[in-house]
Amino acid sequence: MNEDLLAQPLRHLAWTVLDVETTGLSPAAGDRVIELALLRREPDGRTDLYAQLVNPGRPIDPRASAVNGIRDADVADAPPFAALVGPLADRLAGAVLVAHNAPFDLGFLAAELQRLGLPPPQQPVIDTLSLARNCFRFPANNLGAVASALGVRAGHAHRAGGDVATTLGILEVMLQRLEAQGVTTLGQTIVASKLGIGPSEGPPDSMAEPLRTAIAEKRELMIRYRSRGRAMTIRRIRPIALRGSYLVAYCHLRREERTFSIDRIALAWWP
């Protein structure tokens, strides 16, 4: 994800809302996609829905069927996931990916693509669940509860086509509220989804140089960063926002905006 894209107003970009229904909860345990829905929204407001049952090549867990209502007989004559790669690529092209609880849907999508020897999607992602948790105060953050709180008519719950329609509806209302608080660009929306809404803080006087100057002036610098796995990596970053003990910055190594814990930056220097 490049910096020019992060600076674009989110409403000027195409969005593709993704939802999957699955045989179970874990792609690592061999669970597969049994329904895929993609709802693409163009900047002019036009929408296009693609929804398709998928033959997973394995039985559906009865507990999954109890939730989504899809049974083995329903997918017996459905195409395998490999047949959906073309429609998937067409609807993701040039779009921001949107999902409610994105790690779940993207984890299954990546696993299906990996089986075919294909890479996972590289699009920027907006997670409406993260927006709900960090920018709003709802009684509950599941899709139905958020839709009810925002006055959005919910589609058929736990079916991919209905859930993408509901997700698009709640995102539209969320963006109206976020825009009223100055959150308009893709980059600002991603930051808000991770750290909530608030002004970018100035670096404290006690912060070591050159990190303090780089944050204050949004200048690129190099950092040695300790990941959660304790491994050290060298990153070239451009600061975007400072919120408490976290720095949001564009990371050239990952080619996307990332959140860095300040206390894990072991060293900083100018490029």
C-alpha atoms as a PDB file:
ATOM      1  CA  MET A   1       0.000   0.000   0.000  1.00  0.00           C
ATOM      2  CA  ASN A   2       1.598   3.279  -1.043  1.00  0.00           C
ATOM      3  CA  GLU A   3       1.394   6.619   0.734  1.00  0.00           C
ATOM      4  CA  ASP A   4      -0.624   8.252  -2.054  1.00  0.00           C
ATOM      5  CA  LEU A   5      -3.338   5.639  -1.583  1.00  0.00           C
ATOM      6  CA  LEU A   6      -3.419   6.206   2.172  1.00  0.00           C
ATOM      7  CA  ALA A   7      -4.017   9.914   1.537  1.00  0.00           C
ATOM      8  CA  GLN A   8      -7.039   9.281  -0.707  1.00  0.00           C
ATOM      9  CA  PRO A   9     -10.523  10.037   0.671  1.00  0.00           C
ATOM     10  CA  LEU A  10     -12.053   6.638   1.344  1.00  0.00           C
ATOM     11  CA  ARG A  11     -15.199   7.595  -0.557  1.00  0.00           C
ATOM     12  CA  HIS A  12     -13.101   8.161  -3.698  1.00  0.00           C
ATOM     13  CA  LEU A  13     -12.028   4.513  -3.690  1.00  0.00           C
ATOM     14  CA  ALA A  14     -13.823   1.307  -4.635  1.00  0.00           C
ATOM     15  CA  TRP A  15     -14.655  -1.046  -1.760  1.00  0.00           C
ATOM     16  CA  THR A  16     -15.212  -4.783  -1.908  1.00  0.00           C
ATOM     17  CA  VAL A  17     -16.991  -6.252   1.095  1.00  0.00           C
ATOM     18  CA  LEU A  18     -16.073  -9.894   1.740  1.00  0.00           C
ATOM     19  CA  ASP A  19     -17.796 -12.613   3.748  1.00  0.00           C
ATOM     20  CA  VAL A  20     -17.323 -16.368   3.852  1.00  0.00           C
ATOM     21  CA  GLU A  21     -19.264 -19.218   5.405  1.00  0.00           C
ATOM     22  CA  THR A  22     -17.201 -22.265   6.315  1.00  0.00           C
ATOM     23  CA  THR A  23     -17.265 -25.917   7.376  1.00  0.00           C
ATOM     24  CA  GLY A  24     -15.871 -24.936  10.786  1.00  0.00           C
ATOM     25  CA  LEU A  25     -13.776 -22.351  12.555  1.00  0.00           C
ATOM     26  CA  SER A  26     -10.163 -23.214  11.693  1.00  0.00           C
ATOM     27  CA  PRO A  27      -8.484 -23.250   8.274  1.00  0.00           C
ATOM     28  CA  ALA A  28      -5.398 -24.657  10.010  1.00  0.00           C
ATOM     29  CA  ALA A  29      -7.483 -27.690  11.005  1.00  0.00           C
ATOM     30  CA  GLY A  30      -8.617 -28.197   7.411  1.00  0.00           C
ATOM     31  CA  ASP A  31     -11.904 -26.310   7.475  1.00  0.00           C
ATOM     32  CA  ARG A  32     -12.945 -24.948   4.101  1.00  0.00           C
ATOM     33  CA  VAL A  33     -15.086 -22.227   2.533  1.00  0.00           C
ATOM     34  CA  ILE A  34     -18.640 -23.294   1.631  1.00  0.00           C
ATOM     35  CA  GLU A  35     -19.986 -19.893   0.552  1.00  0.00           C
ATOM     36  CA  LEU A  36     -18.293 -16.744  -0.699  1.00  0.00           C
ATOM     37  CA  ALA A  37     -19.862 -13.326  -1.206  1.00  0.00           C
ATOM     38  CA  LEU A  38     -18.248 -10.184  -2.607  1.00  0.00           C
ATOM     39  CA  LEU A  39     -20.159  -6.912  -2.707  1.00  0.00           C
ATOM     40  CA  ARG A  40     -18.263  -4.267  -4.659  1.00  0.00           C
ATOM     41  CA  ARG A  41     -19.150  -0.605  -4.245  1.00  0.00           C
ATOM     42  CA  GLU A  42     -17.800   1.874  -6.765  1.00  0.00           C
ATOM     43  CA  PRO A  43     -17.009   5.516  -5.823  1.00  0.00           C
ATOM     44  CA  ASP A  44     -20.201   6.647  -7.592  1.00  0.00           C
ATOM     45  CA  GLY A  45     -22.290   4.373  -5.359  1.00  0.00           C
ATOM     46  CA  ARG A  46     -22.962   1.576  -7.866  1.00  0.00           C
ATOM     47  CA  THR A  47     -22.839  -1.888  -6.339  1.00  0.00           C
ATOM     48  CA  ASP A  48     -22.342  -5.397  -7.695  1.00  0.00           C
ATOM     49  CA  LEU A  49     -22.990  -8.553  -5.658  1.00  0.00           C
ATOM     50  CA  TYR A  50     -21.360 -11.923  -6.332  1.00  0.00           C
ATOM     51  CA  ALA A  51     -22.452 -14.789  -4.059  1.00  0.00           C
ATOM     52  CA  GLN A  52     -21.689 -18.447  -4.648  1.00  0.00           C
ATOM     53  CA  LEU A  53     -21.932 -21.711  -2.745  1.00  0.00           C
ATOM     54  CA  VAL A  54     -18.697 -23.725  -2.798  1.00  0.00           C
ATOM     55  CA  ASN A  55     -18.092 -27.470  -2.661  1.00  0.00           C
ATOM     56  CA  PRO A  56     -15.482 -27.819   0.105  1.00  0.00           C
ATOM     57  CA  GLY A  57     -14.548 -31.421  -0.667  1.00  0.00           C
ATOM     58  CA  ARG A  58     -15.194 -32.409   2.943  1.00  0.00           C
ATOM     59  CA  PRO A  59     -18.198 -32.726   5.283  1.00  0.00           C
ATOM     60  CA  ILE A  60     -19.647 -29.650   6.947  1.00  0.00           C
ATOM     61  CA  ASP A  61     -19.491 -29.692  10.740  1.00  0.00           C
ATOM     62  CA  PRO A  62     -23.082 -29.953  12.056  1.00  0.00           C
ATOM     63  CA  ARG A  63     -22.317 -27.088  14.433  1.00  0.00           C
ATOM     64  CA  ALA A  64     -21.501 -24.873  11.429  1.00  0.00           C
ATOM     65  CA  SER A  65     -24.677 -25.961   9.666  1.00  0.00           C
ATOM     66  CA  ALA A  66     -26.654 -25.049  12.770  1.00  0.00           C
ATOM     67  CA  VAL A  67     -25.384 -21.473  12.393  1.00  0.00           C
ATOM     68  CA  ASN A  68     -25.422 -20.872   8.635  1.00  0.00           C
ATOM     69  CA  GLY A  69     -28.063 -23.396   7.576  1.00  0.00           C
ATOM     70  CA  ILE A  70     -25.860 -24.802   4.798  1.00  0.00           C
ATOM     71  CA  ARG A  71     -25.750 -28.583   4.611  1.00  0.00           C
ATOM     72  CA  ASP A  72     -23.714 -31.094   2.636  1.00  0.00           C
ATOM     73  CA  ALA A  73     -26.523 -31.606   0.136  1.00  0.00           C
ATOM     74  CA  ASP A  74     -26.642 -27.866  -0.589  1.00  0.00           C
ATOM     75  CA  VAL A  75     -23.036 -27.773  -1.790  1.00  0.00           C
ATOM     76  CA  ALA A  76     -22.820 -31.221  -3.433  1.00  0.00           C
ATOM     77  CA  ASP A  77     -23.242 -29.750  -6.924  1.00  0.00           C
ATOM     78  CA  ALA A  78     -21.534 -26.425  -6.231  1.00  0.00           C
ATOM     79  CA  PRO A  79     -18.202 -25.570  -7.922  1.00  0.00           C
ATOM     80  CA  PRO A  80     -14.906 -25.939  -6.053  1.00  0.00           C
ATOM     81  CA  PHE A  81     -13.136 -22.826  -4.822  1.00  0.00           C
ATOM     82  CA  ALA A  82     -10.747 -22.965  -7.795  1.00  0.00           C
ATOM     83  CA  ALA A  83     -13.646 -21.999 -10.080  1.00  0.00           C
ATOM     84  CA  LEU A  84     -14.157 -18.775  -8.108  1.00  0.00           C
ATOM     85  CA  VAL A  85     -10.653 -17.366  -8.515  1.00  0.00           C
ATOM     86  CA  GLY A  86     -11.530 -15.359 -11.639  1.00  0.00           C
ATOM     87  CA  PRO A  87     -14.644 -13.650 -10.208  1.00  0.00           C
ATOM     88  CA  LEU A  88     -12.730 -13.064  -6.976  1.00  0.00           C
ATOM     89  CA  ALA A  89      -9.830 -11.340  -8.746  1.00  0.00           C
ATOM     90  CA  ASP A  90     -12.183  -9.209 -10.849  1.00  0.00           C
ATOM     91  CA  ARG A  91     -14.050  -7.893  -7.823  1.00  0.00           C
ATOM     92  CA  LEU A  92     -10.945  -7.261  -5.726  1.00  0.00           C
ATOM     93  CA  ALA A  93      -9.022  -5.404  -8.435  1.00  0.00           C
ATOM     94  CA  GLY A  94      -8.187  -1.883  -7.316  1.00  0.00           C
ATOM     95  CA  ALA A  95     -10.510  -2.034  -4.312  1.00  0.00           C
ATOM     96  CA  VAL A  96     -10.189  -1.653  -0.539  1.00  0.00           C
ATOM     97  CA  LEU A  97     -11.199  -4.888   1.187  1.00  0.00           C
ATOM     98  CA  VAL A  98     -13.875  -4.585   3.879  1.00  0.00           C
ATOM     99  CA  ALA A  99     -15.005  -7.282   6.315  1.00  0.00           C
ATOM    100  CA  HIS A 100     -16.514  -7.619   9.774  1.00  0.00           C
ATOM    101  CA  ASN A 101     -13.892  -9.544  11.755  1.00  0.00           C
ATOM    102  CA  ALA A 102     -11.518  -9.444   8.801  1.00  0.00           C
ATOM    103  CA  PRO A 103      -8.891 -11.878  10.191  1.00  0.00           C
ATOM    104  CA  PHE A 104     -11.467 -14.694  10.084  1.00  0.00           C
ATOM    105  CA  ASP A 105     -12.568 -14.131   6.482  1.00  0.00           C
ATOM    106  CA  LEU A 106      -9.099 -13.287   5.196  1.00  0.00           C
ATOM    107  CA  GLY A 107      -7.581 -16.282   6.975  1.00  0.00           C
ATOM    108  CA  PHE A 108      -9.915 -18.648   5.137  1.00  0.00           C
ATOM    109  CA  LEU A 109      -9.455 -16.802   1.862  1.00  0.00           C
ATOM    110  CA  ALA A 110      -5.662 -16.974   2.163  1.00  0.00           C
ATOM    111  CA  ALA A 111      -5.825 -20.708   2.975  1.00  0.00           C
ATOM    112  CA  GLU A 112      -7.979 -21.440  -0.079  1.00  0.00           C
ATOM    113  CA  LEU A 113      -5.661 -19.462  -2.339  1.00  0.00           C
ATOM    114  CA  GLN A 114      -2.590 -21.106  -0.847  1.00  0.00           C
ATOM    115  CA  ARG A 115      -3.990 -24.528  -1.759  1.00  0.00           C
ATOM    116  CA  LEU A 116      -4.039 -23.311  -5.353  1.00  0.00           C
ATOM    117  CA  GLY A 117      -0.504 -21.939  -5.181  1.00  0.00           C
ATOM    118  CA  LEU A 118      -1.736 -18.341  -5.185  1.00  0.00           C
ATOM    119  CA  PRO A 119      -0.790 -15.462  -2.866  1.00  0.00           C
ATOM    120  CA  PRO A 120      -3.275 -13.839  -0.497  1.00  0.00           C
ATOM    121  CA  PRO A 121      -4.901 -10.525  -1.472  1.00  0.00           C
ATOM    122  CA  GLN A 122      -2.644  -7.486  -1.118  1.00  0.00           C
ATOM    123  CA  GLN A 123      -5.391  -4.865  -0.796  1.00  0.00           C
ATOM    124  CA  PRO A 124      -5.644  -2.499   2.154  1.00  0.00           C
ATOM    125  CA  VAL A 125      -8.242  -3.727   4.648  1.00  0.00           C
ATOM    126  CA  ILE A 126     -10.924  -1.972   6.681  1.00  0.00           C
ATOM    127  CA  ASP A 127     -12.290  -4.107   9.526  1.00  0.00           C
ATOM    128  CA  THR A 128     -15.713  -2.855  10.635  1.00  0.00           C
ATOM    129  CA  LEU A 129     -15.422  -4.928  13.821  1.00  0.00           C
ATOM    130  CA  SER A 130     -12.257  -3.018  14.766  1.00  0.00           C
ATOM    131  CA  LEU A 131     -14.003   0.267  13.945  1.00  0.00           C
ATOM    132  CA  ALA A 132     -16.916  -0.752  16.164  1.00  0.00           C
ATOM    133  CA  ARG A 133     -14.633  -1.658  19.069  1.00  0.00           C
ATOM    134  CA  ASN A 134     -12.300   1.320  18.904  1.00  0.00           C
ATOM    135  CA  CYS A 135     -14.420   4.204  17.606  1.00  0.00           C
ATOM    136  CA  PHE A 136     -17.908   3.507  18.955  1.00  0.00           C
ATOM    137  CA  ARG A 137     -19.637   2.284  22.096  1.00  0.00           C
ATOM    138  CA  PHE A 138     -22.178  -0.384  21.171  1.00  0.00           C
ATOM    139  CA  PRO A 139     -23.788  -2.812  23.641  1.00  0.00           C
ATOM    140  CA  ALA A 140     -22.220  -5.603  21.548  1.00  0.00           C
ATOM    141  CA  ASN A 141     -20.019  -5.592  18.459  1.00  0.00           C
ATOM    142  CA  ASN A 142     -21.298  -8.557  16.473  1.00  0.00           C
ATOM    143  CA  LEU A 143     -22.649  -7.679  13.046  1.00  0.00           C
ATOM    144  CA  GLY A 144     -26.323  -7.849  13.956  1.00  0.00           C
ATOM    145  CA  ALA A 145     -25.908  -5.793  17.120  1.00  0.00           C
ATOM    146  CA  VAL A 146     -23.936  -3.078  15.326  1.00  0.00           C
ATOM    147  CA  ALA A 147     -26.511  -2.928  12.525  1.00  0.00           C
ATOM    148  CA  SER A 148     -29.316  -2.582  15.066  1.00  0.00           C
ATOM    149  CA  ALA A 149     -27.478   0.173  16.963  1.00  0.00           C
ATOM    150  CA  LEU A 150     -26.846   2.120  13.750  1.00  0.00           C
ATOM    151  CA  GLY A 151     -30.350   1.664  12.355  1.00  0.00           C
ATOM    152  CA  VAL A 152     -29.134  -0.455   9.436  1.00  0.00           C
ATOM    153  CA  ARG A 153     -31.492  -3.070   8.047  1.00  0.00           C
ATOM    154  CA  ALA A 154     -29.714  -6.400   8.395  1.00  0.00           C
ATOM    155  CA  GLY A 155     -29.610  -8.942   5.595  1.00  0.00           C
ATOM    156  CA  HIS A 156     -29.972 -12.705   6.043  1.00  0.00           C
ATOM    157  CA  ALA A 157     -27.666 -13.332   9.018  1.00  0.00           C
ATOM    158  CA  HIS A 158     -24.908 -15.951   8.705  1.00  0.00           C
ATOM    159  CA  ARG A 159     -25.312 -16.205   4.958  1.00  0.00           C
ATOM    160  CA  ALA A 160     -22.534 -14.562   3.004  1.00  0.00           C
ATOM    161  CA  GLY A 161     -24.757 -12.523   0.681  1.00  0.00           C
ATOM    162  CA  GLY A 162     -26.804 -11.109   3.544  1.00  0.00           C
ATOM    163  CA  ASP A 163     -23.778 -10.377   5.712  1.00  0.00           C
ATOM    164  CA  VAL A 164     -21.918  -8.397   3.035  1.00  0.00           C
ATOM    165  CA  ALA A 165     -25.000  -6.226   2.502  1.00  0.00           C
ATOM    166  CA  THR A 166     -25.226  -5.590   6.247  1.00  0.00           C
ATOM    167  CA  THR A 167     -21.496  -4.849   6.482  1.00  0.00           C
ATOM    168  CA  LEU A 168     -21.689  -2.339   3.649  1.00  0.00           C
ATOM    169  CA  GLY A 169     -24.634  -0.650   5.358  1.00  0.00           C
ATOM    170  CA  ILE A 170     -22.878  -0.269   8.694  1.00  0.00           C
ATOM    171  CA  LEU A 171     -19.697   0.999   7.026  1.00  0.00           C
ATOM    172  CA  GLU A 172     -21.678   3.719   5.242  1.00  0.00           C
ATOM    173  CA  VAL A 173     -23.141   4.944   8.535  1.00  0.00           C
ATOM    174  CA  MET A 174     -19.825   4.627  10.377  1.00  0.00           C
ATOM    175  CA  LEU A 175     -18.093   6.748   7.737  1.00  0.00           C
ATOM    176  CA  GLN A 176     -20.710   9.482   8.074  1.00  0.00           C
ATOM    177  CA  ARG A 177     -19.965   9.669  11.798  1.00  0.00           C
ATOM    178  CA  LEU A 178     -16.204   9.426  11.335  1.00  0.00           C
ATOM    179  CA  GLU A 179     -16.199  12.141   8.666  1.00  0.00           C
ATOM    180  CA  ALA A 180     -17.937  14.482  11.115  1.00  0.00           C
ATOM    181  CA  GLN A 181     -14.872  14.033  13.343  1.00  0.00           C
ATOM    182  CA  GLY A 182     -12.342  14.638  10.581  1.00  0.00           C
ATOM    183  CA  VAL A 183     -11.629  11.021   9.633  1.00  0.00           C
ATOM    184  CA  THR A 184     -11.930  10.948   5.834  1.00  0.00           C
ATOM    185  CA  THR A 185      -8.926   9.286   4.190  1.00  0.00           C
ATOM    186  CA  LEU A 186      -8.060   5.627   3.904  1.00  0.00           C
ATOM    187  CA  GLY A 187      -5.042   6.087   6.146  1.00  0.00           C
ATOM    188  CA  GLN A 188      -7.024   7.958   8.807  1.00  0.00           C
ATOM    189  CA  THR A 189      -9.709   5.275   8.786  1.00  0.00           C
ATOM    190  CA  ILE A 190      -7.155   2.495   9.257  1.00  0.00           C
ATOM    191  CA  VAL A 191      -5.559   4.405  12.139  1.00  0.00           C
ATOM    192  CA  ALA A 192      -8.972   4.974  13.729  1.00  0.00           C
ATOM    193  CA  SER A 193      -9.812   1.277  13.428  1.00  0.00           C
ATOM    194  CA  LYS A 194      -6.703   0.419  15.438  1.00  0.00           C
ATOM    195  CA  LEU A 195      -6.331   3.316  17.882  1.00  0.00           C
ATOM    196  CA  GLY A 196      -9.695   5.075  17.967  1.00  0.00           C
ATOM    197  CA  ILE A 197     -10.441   8.682  17.120  1.00  0.00           C
ATOM    198  CA  GLY A 198      -8.282  11.481  18.393  1.00  0.00           C
ATOM    199  CA  PRO A 199      -5.673  14.005  17.358  1.00  0.00           C
ATOM    200  CA  SER A 200      -2.186  12.918  16.545  1.00  0.00           C
ATOM    201  CA  GLU A 201      -0.130  13.530  19.666  1.00  0.00           C
ATOM    202  CA  GLY A 202       3.142  15.400  19.710  1.00  0.00           C
ATOM    203  CA  PRO A 203       6.228  13.475  20.824  1.00  0.00           C
ATOM    204  CA  PRO A 204       7.233  14.043  24.471  1.00  0.00           C
ATOM    205  CA  ASP A 205      10.408  15.977  25.229  1.00  0.00           C
ATOM    206  CA  SER A 206      11.852  12.880  26.846  1.00  0.00           C
ATOM    207  CA  MET A 207      11.712  10.877  23.596  1.00  0.00           C
ATOM    208  CA  ALA A 208      15.129  10.124  22.157  1.00  0.00           C
ATOM    209  CA  GLU A 209      16.328  11.730  18.934  1.00  0.00           C
ATOM    210  CA  PRO A 210      16.022  11.342  16.042  1.00  0.00           C
ATOM    211  CA  LEU A 211      12.712   9.557  16.699  1.00  0.00           C
ATOM    212  CA  ARG A 212      11.205  12.637  18.318  1.00  0.00           C
ATOM    213  CA  THR A 213      12.030  14.907  15.358  1.00  0.00           C
ATOM    214  CA  ALA A 214      10.903  12.320  12.800  1.00  0.00           C
ATOM    215  CA  ILE A 215       7.490  12.021  14.481  1.00  0.00           C
ATOM    216  CA  ALA A 216       7.073  15.773  14.890  1.00  0.00           C
ATOM    217  CA  GLU A 217       8.016  16.518  11.274  1.00  0.00           C
ATOM    218  CA  LYS A 218       6.636  13.299   9.648  1.00  0.00           C
ATOM    219  CA  ARG A 219      10.119  12.562   8.284  1.00  0.00           C
ATOM    220  CA  GLU A 220      11.366   9.162   7.197  1.00  0.00           C
ATOM    221  CA  LEU A 221      13.804   7.351   9.421  1.00  0.00           C
ATOM    222  CA  MET A 222      15.262   3.919  10.022  1.00  0.00           C
ATOM    223  CA  ILE A 223      14.411   1.900  13.113  1.00  0.00           C
ATOM    224  CA  ARG A 224      15.562  -1.352  14.650  1.00  0.00           C
ATOM    225  CA  TYR A 225      12.342  -2.939  15.877  1.00  0.00           C
ATOM    226  CA  ARG A 226      11.793  -5.862  18.240  1.00  0.00           C
ATOM    227  CA  SER A 227       8.759  -7.891  17.191  1.00  0.00           C
ATOM    228  CA  ARG A 228       6.574  -9.890  19.568  1.00  0.00           C
ATOM    229  CA  GLY A 229       8.602 -12.936  18.646  1.00  0.00           C
ATOM    230  CA  ARG A 230      11.651 -11.031  19.984  1.00  0.00           C
ATOM    231  CA  ALA A 231      13.336 -10.997  16.557  1.00  0.00           C
ATOM    232  CA  MET A 232      14.943  -7.693  15.535  1.00  0.00           C
ATOM    233  CA  THR A 233      14.196  -6.231  12.123  1.00  0.00           C
ATOM    234  CA  ILE A 234      15.318  -3.030  10.434  1.00  0.00           C
ATOM    235  CA  ARG A 235      12.494  -0.904   9.018  1.00  0.00           C
ATOM    236  CA  ARG A 236      12.329   2.301   7.010  1.00  0.00           C
ATOM    237  CA  ILE A 237       9.227   4.176   8.141  1.00  0.00           C
ATOM    238  CA  ARG A 238       7.381   7.472   7.728  1.00  0.00           C
ATOM    239  CA  PRO A 239       5.403   8.463  10.855  1.00  0.00           C
ATOM    240  CA  ILE A 240       1.671   9.118  10.429  1.00  0.00           C
ATOM    241  CA  ALA A 241       0.304   9.499  13.954  1.00  0.00           C
ATOM    242  CA  LEU A 242       1.372   9.042  17.575  1.00  0.00           C
ATOM    243  CA  ARG A 243      -1.233   7.791  20.038  1.00  0.00           C
ATOM    244  CA  GLY A 244       0.118   7.244  23.529  1.00  0.00           C
ATOM    245  CA  SER A 245       2.717   4.481  23.402  1.00  0.00           C
ATOM    246  CA  TYR A 246       1.962   3.535  19.792  1.00  0.00           C
ATOM    247  CA  LEU A 247       3.316   4.962  16.556  1.00  0.00           C
ATOM    248  CA  VAL A 248       1.381   4.513  13.320  1.00  0.00           C
ATOM    249  CA  ALA A 249       3.719   4.749  10.343  1.00  0.00           C
ATOM    250  CA  TYR A 250       4.057   3.733   6.721  1.00  0.00           C
ATOM    251  CA  CYS A 251       6.470   0.790   6.634  1.00  0.00           C
ATOM    252  CA  HIS A 252       8.456   0.421   3.416  1.00  0.00           C
ATOM    253  CA  LEU A 253       9.405  -3.175   4.269  1.00  0.00           C
ATOM    254  CA  ARG A 254       5.762  -4.288   4.487  1.00  0.00           C
ATOM    255  CA  ARG A 255       4.533  -1.688   1.967  1.00  0.00           C
ATOM    256  CA  GLU A 256       1.664  -0.741   4.224  1.00  0.00           C
ATOM    257  CA  GLU A 257       0.717   1.297   7.267  1.00  0.00           C
ATOM    258  CA  ARG A 258       1.686  -0.466  10.505  1.00  0.00           C
ATOM    259  CA  THR A 259       1.374   0.157  14.238  1.00  0.00           C
ATOM    260  CA  PHE A 260       4.618   0.086  16.240  1.00  0.00           C
ATOM    261  CA  SER A 261       4.960  -0.063  20.007  1.00  0.00           C
ATOM    262  CA  ILE A 262       7.355   2.726  21.010  1.00  0.00           C
ATOM    263  CA  ASP A 263       9.027   0.615  23.679  1.00  0.00           C
ATOM    264  CA  ARG A 264      10.001  -1.963  21.054  1.00  0.00           C
ATOM    265  CA  ILE A 265      11.963   0.536  18.962  1.00  0.00           C
ATOM    266  CA  ALA A 266      15.498  -0.293  20.064  1.00  0.00           C
ATOM    267  CA  LEU A 267      17.306   2.231  17.861  1.00  0.00           C
ATOM    268  CA  ALA A 268      16.443   4.983  15.373  1.00  0.00           C
ATOM    269  CA  TRP A 269      18.583   6.829  12.853  1.00  0.00           C
ATOM    270  CA  TRP A 270      18.239   8.945   9.717  1.00  0.00           C
ATOM    271  CA  PRO A 271      18.354   7.106   6.368  1.00  0.00           C
END
